[in-house]
N, C-alpha and C. Protein backbone atom coordinates (compact mmCIF):
# COMPACT_ATOMS: atom_id res chain seq x y z
N MET A 1 61.31 94.16 -8.52
CA MET A 1 62.06 93.44 -9.52
C MET A 1 63.10 92.58 -8.81
N THR A 2 63.29 91.39 -9.29
CA THR A 2 64.23 90.45 -8.70
C THR A 2 65.59 90.61 -9.34
N THR A 3 66.64 90.37 -8.58
CA THR A 3 67.98 90.42 -9.12
C THR A 3 68.25 89.11 -9.84
N LEU A 4 68.74 89.22 -11.06
CA LEU A 4 69.01 88.05 -11.88
C LEU A 4 70.11 87.21 -11.26
N GLN A 5 69.83 85.93 -11.11
CA GLN A 5 70.81 85.01 -10.56
C GLN A 5 71.58 84.37 -11.70
N VAL A 6 72.85 84.68 -11.80
CA VAL A 6 73.70 84.10 -12.82
C VAL A 6 74.47 82.95 -12.18
N PRO A 7 74.44 81.78 -12.80
CA PRO A 7 75.16 80.66 -12.22
C PRO A 7 76.63 81.01 -12.02
N ALA A 8 77.15 80.68 -10.84
CA ALA A 8 78.53 81.01 -10.51
C ALA A 8 79.51 80.08 -11.20
N ARG A 9 79.09 78.89 -11.51
CA ARG A 9 79.98 77.89 -12.08
C ARG A 9 79.54 77.52 -13.49
N PRO A 10 80.51 77.34 -14.39
CA PRO A 10 80.15 76.97 -15.77
C PRO A 10 79.31 75.70 -15.85
N ARG A 11 79.60 74.72 -15.02
CA ARG A 11 78.86 73.46 -15.06
C ARG A 11 77.40 73.68 -14.64
N GLU A 12 77.20 74.60 -13.70
CA GLU A 12 75.84 74.93 -13.27
C GLU A 12 75.07 75.59 -14.42
N ALA A 13 75.74 76.47 -15.13
CA ALA A 13 75.11 77.12 -16.29
C ALA A 13 74.79 76.09 -17.37
N GLU A 14 75.69 75.14 -17.57
CA GLU A 14 75.46 74.08 -18.55
C GLU A 14 74.27 73.21 -18.13
N LEU A 15 74.16 72.93 -16.84
CA LEU A 15 73.04 72.16 -16.32
C LEU A 15 71.72 72.89 -16.59
N GLN A 16 71.68 74.18 -16.31
CA GLN A 16 70.46 74.95 -16.54
C GLN A 16 70.10 74.99 -18.01
N ALA A 17 71.08 75.17 -18.87
CA ALA A 17 70.81 75.22 -20.31
C ALA A 17 70.32 73.86 -20.82
N THR A 18 70.93 72.79 -20.36
CA THR A 18 70.52 71.46 -20.78
C THR A 18 69.13 71.13 -20.26
N ALA A 19 68.87 71.46 -19.01
CA ALA A 19 67.55 71.21 -18.44
C ALA A 19 66.49 72.01 -19.19
N THR A 20 66.79 73.24 -19.51
CA THR A 20 65.84 74.08 -20.26
C THR A 20 65.49 73.40 -21.58
N ARG A 21 66.50 72.94 -22.29
CA ARG A 21 66.28 72.29 -23.58
C ARG A 21 65.46 71.01 -23.42
N LEU A 22 65.83 70.18 -22.45
CA LEU A 22 65.12 68.92 -22.27
C LEU A 22 63.69 69.13 -21.77
N PHE A 23 63.51 70.06 -20.85
CA PHE A 23 62.15 70.35 -20.36
C PHE A 23 61.29 70.85 -21.51
N ARG A 24 61.87 71.64 -22.39
CA ARG A 24 61.11 72.18 -23.53
C ARG A 24 60.78 71.07 -24.52
N GLU A 25 61.74 70.20 -24.78
CA GLU A 25 61.54 69.13 -25.77
C GLU A 25 60.64 68.00 -25.25
N ARG A 26 60.87 67.58 -24.01
CA ARG A 26 60.19 66.40 -23.48
C ARG A 26 59.12 66.70 -22.46
N GLY A 27 59.21 67.87 -21.84
CA GLY A 27 58.34 68.21 -20.73
C GLY A 27 59.06 67.98 -19.42
N PHE A 28 58.67 68.72 -18.41
CA PHE A 28 59.32 68.64 -17.10
C PHE A 28 59.16 67.25 -16.50
N HIS A 29 57.94 66.75 -16.47
CA HIS A 29 57.69 65.48 -15.81
C HIS A 29 58.28 64.30 -16.58
N ALA A 30 58.42 64.43 -17.88
CA ALA A 30 58.97 63.34 -18.69
C ALA A 30 60.50 63.34 -18.72
N THR A 31 61.11 64.37 -18.16
CA THR A 31 62.57 64.44 -18.10
C THR A 31 63.03 64.00 -16.72
N SER A 32 63.81 62.96 -16.67
CA SER A 32 64.29 62.45 -15.38
C SER A 32 65.66 63.03 -15.06
N MET A 33 66.06 62.86 -13.82
CA MET A 33 67.41 63.25 -13.42
C MET A 33 68.42 62.41 -14.19
N GLN A 34 68.07 61.17 -14.47
CA GLN A 34 68.94 60.30 -15.27
C GLN A 34 69.14 60.90 -16.66
N ASP A 35 68.05 61.40 -17.26
CA ASP A 35 68.14 62.05 -18.58
C ASP A 35 69.09 63.24 -18.53
N LEU A 36 68.95 64.05 -17.50
CA LEU A 36 69.82 65.22 -17.35
C LEU A 36 71.28 64.79 -17.20
N GLY A 37 71.50 63.81 -16.35
CA GLY A 37 72.87 63.33 -16.14
C GLY A 37 73.48 62.80 -17.43
N GLU A 38 72.73 62.01 -18.16
CA GLU A 38 73.24 61.45 -19.42
C GLU A 38 73.55 62.55 -20.42
N ALA A 39 72.68 63.53 -20.52
CA ALA A 39 72.89 64.63 -21.47
C ALA A 39 74.13 65.44 -21.13
N LEU A 40 74.48 65.46 -19.85
CA LEU A 40 75.65 66.22 -19.39
C LEU A 40 76.89 65.35 -19.23
N GLY A 41 76.74 64.04 -19.43
CA GLY A 41 77.86 63.14 -19.23
C GLY A 41 78.25 63.03 -17.76
N MET A 42 77.25 63.08 -16.88
CA MET A 42 77.48 63.03 -15.44
C MET A 42 76.65 61.91 -14.84
N ASN A 43 77.05 61.47 -13.67
CA ASN A 43 76.20 60.56 -12.90
C ASN A 43 75.02 61.36 -12.35
N ARG A 44 73.89 60.71 -12.27
CA ARG A 44 72.68 61.38 -11.76
C ARG A 44 72.94 61.99 -10.38
N GLY A 45 73.61 61.26 -9.51
CA GLY A 45 73.88 61.75 -8.17
C GLY A 45 74.75 62.99 -8.14
N SER A 46 75.61 63.15 -9.14
CA SER A 46 76.49 64.33 -9.19
C SER A 46 75.71 65.62 -9.43
N LEU A 47 74.52 65.50 -10.02
CA LEU A 47 73.71 66.69 -10.29
C LEU A 47 73.34 67.41 -8.99
N TYR A 48 73.20 66.65 -7.92
CA TYR A 48 72.78 67.23 -6.65
C TYR A 48 73.86 68.09 -6.01
N HIS A 49 75.04 68.07 -6.58
CA HIS A 49 76.08 69.00 -6.16
C HIS A 49 75.72 70.42 -6.61
N TYR A 50 74.93 70.51 -7.67
CA TYR A 50 74.58 71.80 -8.27
C TYR A 50 73.16 72.25 -7.97
N ILE A 51 72.27 71.29 -7.71
CA ILE A 51 70.86 71.62 -7.45
C ILE A 51 70.34 70.79 -6.29
N ALA A 52 69.32 71.31 -5.63
CA ALA A 52 68.71 70.57 -4.53
C ALA A 52 67.69 69.55 -5.05
N SER A 53 66.99 69.91 -6.12
CA SER A 53 65.97 69.02 -6.68
C SER A 53 65.64 69.46 -8.10
N LYS A 54 64.96 68.59 -8.82
CA LYS A 54 64.51 68.94 -10.17
C LYS A 54 63.51 70.09 -10.10
N ASP A 55 62.67 70.11 -9.07
CA ASP A 55 61.72 71.21 -8.89
C ASP A 55 62.44 72.54 -8.72
N ASP A 56 63.50 72.54 -7.92
CA ASP A 56 64.28 73.76 -7.73
C ASP A 56 64.94 74.21 -9.02
N LEU A 57 65.37 73.25 -9.83
CA LEU A 57 65.96 73.57 -11.12
C LEU A 57 64.95 74.26 -12.02
N LEU A 58 63.73 73.73 -12.09
CA LEU A 58 62.69 74.38 -12.89
C LEU A 58 62.40 75.78 -12.37
N TRP A 59 62.30 75.93 -11.06
CA TRP A 59 62.06 77.24 -10.45
C TRP A 59 63.16 78.22 -10.84
N THR A 60 64.39 77.79 -10.77
CA THR A 60 65.52 78.66 -11.12
C THR A 60 65.43 79.10 -12.58
N ILE A 61 65.09 78.18 -13.46
CA ILE A 61 64.98 78.50 -14.89
C ILE A 61 63.85 79.50 -15.13
N LEU A 62 62.68 79.24 -14.56
CA LEU A 62 61.52 80.11 -14.80
C LEU A 62 61.70 81.49 -14.19
N THR A 63 62.19 81.55 -12.97
CA THR A 63 62.38 82.87 -12.36
C THR A 63 63.49 83.63 -13.07
N GLY A 64 64.50 82.92 -13.55
CA GLY A 64 65.56 83.58 -14.31
C GLY A 64 65.05 84.21 -15.59
N ALA A 65 64.14 83.50 -16.26
CA ALA A 65 63.55 84.05 -17.49
C ALA A 65 62.75 85.31 -17.20
N LEU A 66 61.96 85.27 -16.14
CA LEU A 66 61.17 86.45 -15.78
C LEU A 66 62.08 87.59 -15.29
N ASP A 67 63.14 87.24 -14.58
CA ASP A 67 64.11 88.25 -14.15
C ASP A 67 64.68 88.99 -15.36
N ARG A 68 65.04 88.25 -16.40
CA ARG A 68 65.61 88.87 -17.60
C ARG A 68 64.63 89.85 -18.24
N LEU A 69 63.38 89.43 -18.35
CA LEU A 69 62.37 90.34 -18.92
C LEU A 69 62.22 91.59 -18.06
N GLU A 70 62.10 91.38 -16.76
CA GLU A 70 61.92 92.52 -15.86
C GLU A 70 63.10 93.47 -15.93
N GLN A 71 64.31 92.95 -15.94
CA GLN A 71 65.48 93.81 -15.95
C GLN A 71 65.61 94.61 -17.24
N ARG A 72 65.21 94.03 -18.36
CA ARG A 72 65.37 94.70 -19.64
C ARG A 72 64.17 95.56 -20.03
N VAL A 73 62.96 95.13 -19.67
CA VAL A 73 61.76 95.78 -20.19
C VAL A 73 61.13 96.75 -19.19
N VAL A 74 61.08 96.40 -17.93
CA VAL A 74 60.40 97.24 -16.94
C VAL A 74 60.97 98.66 -16.88
N PRO A 75 62.29 98.85 -16.89
CA PRO A 75 62.79 100.23 -16.88
C PRO A 75 62.32 101.05 -18.07
N VAL A 76 62.16 100.40 -19.21
CA VAL A 76 61.67 101.09 -20.41
C VAL A 76 60.20 101.46 -20.23
N LEU A 77 59.39 100.52 -19.77
CA LEU A 77 57.96 100.80 -19.59
C LEU A 77 57.72 101.83 -18.50
N ASP A 78 58.58 101.87 -17.50
CA ASP A 78 58.46 102.85 -16.42
C ASP A 78 59.13 104.18 -16.74
N GLY A 79 59.79 104.27 -17.88
CA GLY A 79 60.54 105.47 -18.25
C GLY A 79 59.66 106.68 -18.44
N GLY A 80 60.31 107.81 -18.63
CA GLY A 80 59.61 109.08 -18.73
C GLY A 80 59.30 109.55 -20.14
N SER A 81 59.63 108.76 -21.13
CA SER A 81 59.38 109.19 -22.50
C SER A 81 57.90 109.04 -22.86
N ARG A 82 57.54 109.52 -24.04
CA ARG A 82 56.15 109.41 -24.49
C ARG A 82 55.73 107.95 -24.52
N PRO A 83 54.46 107.68 -24.25
CA PRO A 83 53.99 106.28 -24.20
C PRO A 83 54.29 105.48 -25.45
N VAL A 84 54.10 106.05 -26.62
CA VAL A 84 54.33 105.30 -27.86
C VAL A 84 55.81 104.95 -28.00
N GLU A 85 56.69 105.83 -27.55
CA GLU A 85 58.12 105.54 -27.60
C GLU A 85 58.49 104.47 -26.57
N ARG A 86 57.89 104.53 -25.39
CA ARG A 86 58.12 103.49 -24.39
C ARG A 86 57.69 102.14 -24.93
N LEU A 87 56.53 102.10 -25.57
CA LEU A 87 56.04 100.84 -26.15
C LEU A 87 56.98 100.33 -27.24
N ARG A 88 57.41 101.19 -28.10
CA ARG A 88 58.30 100.80 -29.20
C ARG A 88 59.60 100.20 -28.63
N ARG A 89 60.19 100.89 -27.67
CA ARG A 89 61.45 100.42 -27.07
C ARG A 89 61.23 99.15 -26.24
N ALA A 90 60.09 99.08 -25.54
CA ALA A 90 59.80 97.89 -24.73
C ALA A 90 59.59 96.66 -25.61
N ILE A 91 58.91 96.84 -26.74
CA ILE A 91 58.73 95.73 -27.68
C ILE A 91 60.09 95.25 -28.16
N HIS A 92 60.95 96.19 -28.49
CA HIS A 92 62.30 95.84 -28.95
C HIS A 92 63.05 95.04 -27.89
N GLU A 93 63.02 95.49 -26.65
CA GLU A 93 63.72 94.79 -25.57
C GLU A 93 63.09 93.43 -25.28
N HIS A 94 61.77 93.37 -25.29
CA HIS A 94 61.08 92.10 -25.05
C HIS A 94 61.48 91.08 -26.12
N LEU A 95 61.51 91.52 -27.37
CA LEU A 95 61.87 90.62 -28.46
C LEU A 95 63.33 90.19 -28.38
N ARG A 96 64.20 91.07 -27.92
CA ARG A 96 65.61 90.69 -27.75
C ARG A 96 65.74 89.58 -26.72
N VAL A 97 65.06 89.72 -25.60
CA VAL A 97 65.09 88.68 -24.57
C VAL A 97 64.47 87.40 -25.13
N ALA A 98 63.34 87.53 -25.81
CA ALA A 98 62.67 86.35 -26.36
C ALA A 98 63.55 85.63 -27.38
N ALA A 99 64.28 86.38 -28.19
CA ALA A 99 65.15 85.76 -29.18
C ALA A 99 66.31 85.03 -28.52
N ASP A 100 66.83 85.57 -27.46
CA ASP A 100 67.98 84.97 -26.78
C ASP A 100 67.60 83.87 -25.80
N HIS A 101 66.35 83.87 -25.34
CA HIS A 101 65.93 82.92 -24.29
C HIS A 101 64.55 82.33 -24.59
N ALA A 102 64.32 81.96 -25.83
CA ALA A 102 63.00 81.49 -26.26
C ALA A 102 62.53 80.27 -25.47
N ASP A 103 63.40 79.30 -25.27
CA ASP A 103 62.98 78.08 -24.56
C ASP A 103 62.59 78.40 -23.12
N GLU A 104 63.38 79.23 -22.46
CA GLU A 104 63.08 79.57 -21.06
C GLU A 104 61.74 80.28 -20.96
N LEU A 105 61.50 81.23 -21.85
CA LEU A 105 60.24 81.97 -21.80
C LEU A 105 59.05 81.07 -22.13
N SER A 106 59.23 80.14 -23.06
CA SER A 106 58.12 79.25 -23.38
C SER A 106 57.81 78.33 -22.21
N LEU A 107 58.83 77.99 -21.43
CA LEU A 107 58.59 77.13 -20.26
C LEU A 107 57.71 77.81 -19.22
N ILE A 108 57.72 79.15 -19.18
CA ILE A 108 56.85 79.85 -18.24
C ILE A 108 55.39 79.47 -18.52
N GLN A 109 55.02 79.41 -19.78
CA GLN A 109 53.65 79.06 -20.13
C GLN A 109 53.41 77.55 -20.04
N ILE A 110 54.35 76.78 -20.53
CA ILE A 110 54.17 75.33 -20.65
C ILE A 110 54.25 74.63 -19.30
N GLU A 111 55.21 75.01 -18.47
CA GLU A 111 55.46 74.26 -17.24
C GLU A 111 55.05 74.99 -15.96
N LEU A 112 54.33 76.06 -16.08
CA LEU A 112 53.84 76.78 -14.90
C LEU A 112 53.07 75.83 -13.98
N ARG A 113 52.31 74.95 -14.56
CA ARG A 113 51.50 74.01 -13.79
C ARG A 113 52.34 73.01 -13.01
N SER A 114 53.60 72.85 -13.38
CA SER A 114 54.48 71.89 -12.72
C SER A 114 55.08 72.42 -11.42
N LEU A 115 54.93 73.71 -11.19
CA LEU A 115 55.45 74.29 -9.95
C LEU A 115 54.53 73.98 -8.79
N SER A 116 55.08 74.04 -7.59
CA SER A 116 54.25 73.89 -6.39
C SER A 116 53.26 75.05 -6.35
N PRO A 117 52.14 74.91 -5.65
CA PRO A 117 51.14 75.99 -5.61
C PRO A 117 51.71 77.35 -5.17
N ASP A 118 52.56 77.37 -4.17
CA ASP A 118 53.13 78.64 -3.71
C ASP A 118 54.02 79.27 -4.77
N ARG A 119 54.86 78.45 -5.37
CA ARG A 119 55.76 78.98 -6.41
C ARG A 119 54.97 79.40 -7.64
N ARG A 120 53.97 78.63 -8.00
CA ARG A 120 53.13 78.98 -9.15
C ARG A 120 52.45 80.32 -8.89
N ALA A 121 51.91 80.51 -7.69
CA ALA A 121 51.24 81.77 -7.35
C ALA A 121 52.21 82.94 -7.42
N ASP A 122 53.43 82.74 -6.96
CA ASP A 122 54.44 83.80 -7.00
C ASP A 122 54.77 84.18 -8.44
N LEU A 123 54.96 83.18 -9.28
CA LEU A 123 55.29 83.45 -10.67
C LEU A 123 54.13 84.10 -11.41
N ILE A 124 52.91 83.65 -11.14
CA ILE A 124 51.73 84.25 -11.76
C ILE A 124 51.60 85.71 -11.34
N GLU A 125 51.86 86.00 -10.08
CA GLU A 125 51.80 87.38 -9.60
C GLU A 125 52.81 88.25 -10.34
N ARG A 126 54.01 87.76 -10.50
CA ARG A 126 55.04 88.51 -11.22
C ARG A 126 54.68 88.68 -12.70
N ARG A 127 54.18 87.62 -13.31
CA ARG A 127 53.78 87.69 -14.72
C ARG A 127 52.66 88.70 -14.91
N ASP A 128 51.67 88.66 -14.01
CA ASP A 128 50.54 89.58 -14.10
C ASP A 128 50.98 91.03 -13.93
N ALA A 129 51.92 91.27 -13.03
CA ALA A 129 52.43 92.63 -12.83
C ALA A 129 53.16 93.11 -14.09
N TYR A 130 53.91 92.22 -14.72
CA TYR A 130 54.61 92.55 -15.95
C TYR A 130 53.61 92.92 -17.05
N GLU A 131 52.58 92.09 -17.20
CA GLU A 131 51.56 92.37 -18.20
C GLU A 131 50.80 93.66 -17.91
N ALA A 132 50.59 93.96 -16.63
CA ALA A 132 49.89 95.20 -16.25
C ALA A 132 50.68 96.44 -16.67
N LEU A 133 52.00 96.36 -16.62
CA LEU A 133 52.82 97.49 -17.08
C LEU A 133 52.62 97.75 -18.56
N TRP A 134 52.48 96.70 -19.34
CA TRP A 134 52.21 96.85 -20.77
C TRP A 134 50.84 97.49 -20.98
N ARG A 135 49.85 97.02 -20.25
CA ARG A 135 48.51 97.59 -20.41
C ARG A 135 48.49 99.07 -20.02
N ARG A 136 49.21 99.41 -18.97
CA ARG A 136 49.27 100.81 -18.56
C ARG A 136 49.91 101.67 -19.64
N ALA A 137 51.00 101.18 -20.24
CA ALA A 137 51.66 101.95 -21.30
C ALA A 137 50.73 102.12 -22.51
N ILE A 138 49.97 101.09 -22.85
CA ILE A 138 49.02 101.19 -23.95
C ILE A 138 47.93 102.21 -23.61
N ALA A 139 47.39 102.13 -22.40
CA ALA A 139 46.36 103.08 -21.97
C ALA A 139 46.91 104.50 -21.97
N ASP A 140 48.15 104.68 -21.55
CA ASP A 140 48.78 106.01 -21.57
C ASP A 140 48.89 106.53 -23.00
N GLY A 141 49.22 105.63 -23.93
CA GLY A 141 49.32 106.02 -25.34
C GLY A 141 47.99 106.44 -25.91
N ILE A 142 46.93 105.76 -25.50
CA ILE A 142 45.58 106.13 -25.95
C ILE A 142 45.20 107.48 -25.36
N ALA A 143 45.47 107.65 -24.07
CA ALA A 143 45.13 108.91 -23.39
C ALA A 143 45.90 110.09 -23.98
N ALA A 144 47.14 109.85 -24.42
CA ALA A 144 47.95 110.93 -25.00
C ALA A 144 47.57 111.21 -26.45
N GLY A 145 46.72 110.38 -27.03
CA GLY A 145 46.31 110.56 -28.41
C GLY A 145 47.29 109.98 -29.41
N ASP A 146 48.29 109.25 -28.94
CA ASP A 146 49.28 108.65 -29.82
C ASP A 146 48.83 107.32 -30.41
N LEU A 147 47.88 106.67 -29.74
CA LEU A 147 47.35 105.40 -30.20
C LEU A 147 45.84 105.53 -30.35
N ARG A 148 45.28 104.81 -31.30
CA ARG A 148 43.83 104.84 -31.43
C ARG A 148 43.21 104.04 -30.28
N THR A 149 41.96 104.28 -30.03
CA THR A 149 41.27 103.59 -28.95
C THR A 149 41.09 102.13 -29.31
N VAL A 150 41.60 101.26 -28.43
CA VAL A 150 41.52 99.82 -28.61
C VAL A 150 41.22 99.19 -27.26
N ASP A 151 40.88 97.92 -27.27
CA ASP A 151 40.74 97.17 -26.03
C ASP A 151 42.15 96.95 -25.49
N VAL A 152 42.45 97.60 -24.37
CA VAL A 152 43.80 97.61 -23.81
C VAL A 152 44.27 96.19 -23.46
N ARG A 153 43.39 95.39 -22.90
CA ARG A 153 43.77 94.03 -22.51
C ARG A 153 44.13 93.21 -23.74
N LEU A 154 43.30 93.29 -24.78
CA LEU A 154 43.58 92.52 -26.00
C LEU A 154 44.83 93.04 -26.71
N ALA A 155 45.03 94.35 -26.69
CA ALA A 155 46.25 94.91 -27.31
C ALA A 155 47.49 94.40 -26.58
N GLY A 156 47.42 94.34 -25.26
CA GLY A 156 48.54 93.81 -24.48
C GLY A 156 48.81 92.36 -24.80
N ILE A 157 47.75 91.58 -24.92
CA ILE A 157 47.92 90.16 -25.29
C ILE A 157 48.53 90.06 -26.68
N GLY A 158 48.05 90.89 -27.58
CA GLY A 158 48.58 90.87 -28.95
C GLY A 158 50.05 91.21 -29.01
N ILE A 159 50.48 92.18 -28.25
CA ILE A 159 51.89 92.55 -28.25
C ILE A 159 52.74 91.43 -27.66
N LEU A 160 52.30 90.90 -26.54
CA LEU A 160 53.10 89.88 -25.88
C LEU A 160 52.97 88.53 -26.57
């Protein structure tokens, strides 16, 4: 699990929030540094005080979203309670993160293709590991007799 990176400066947090909104509304490639600067009331060049590149900004947003899910949900799925209770609590935590960070989470699906191949592979690996924890909890619930027999992969997709 990755440690969540919280922006140290308020302006950096504002940049990430604005970029998240614009990337979601317009798309990553259709959002220019000029667009970001204008939305923040800054010169385009001033943005580079806070970020190295637009690509790095997208990476920070996407990994931050996955970090939040992992920090809130993985401990529940890995917990020692009965599988059905782990699932119930994990769904609750997943939905809390989704409600608070909907745009960031949607960007994982929408803009994954915009990442470099190495970064995309890293994020896909993390996403797949997260989804595997859900499938394991569902399979554990079936094995314990708490859940009826279902296609574990489809049940995981349905929950997420």
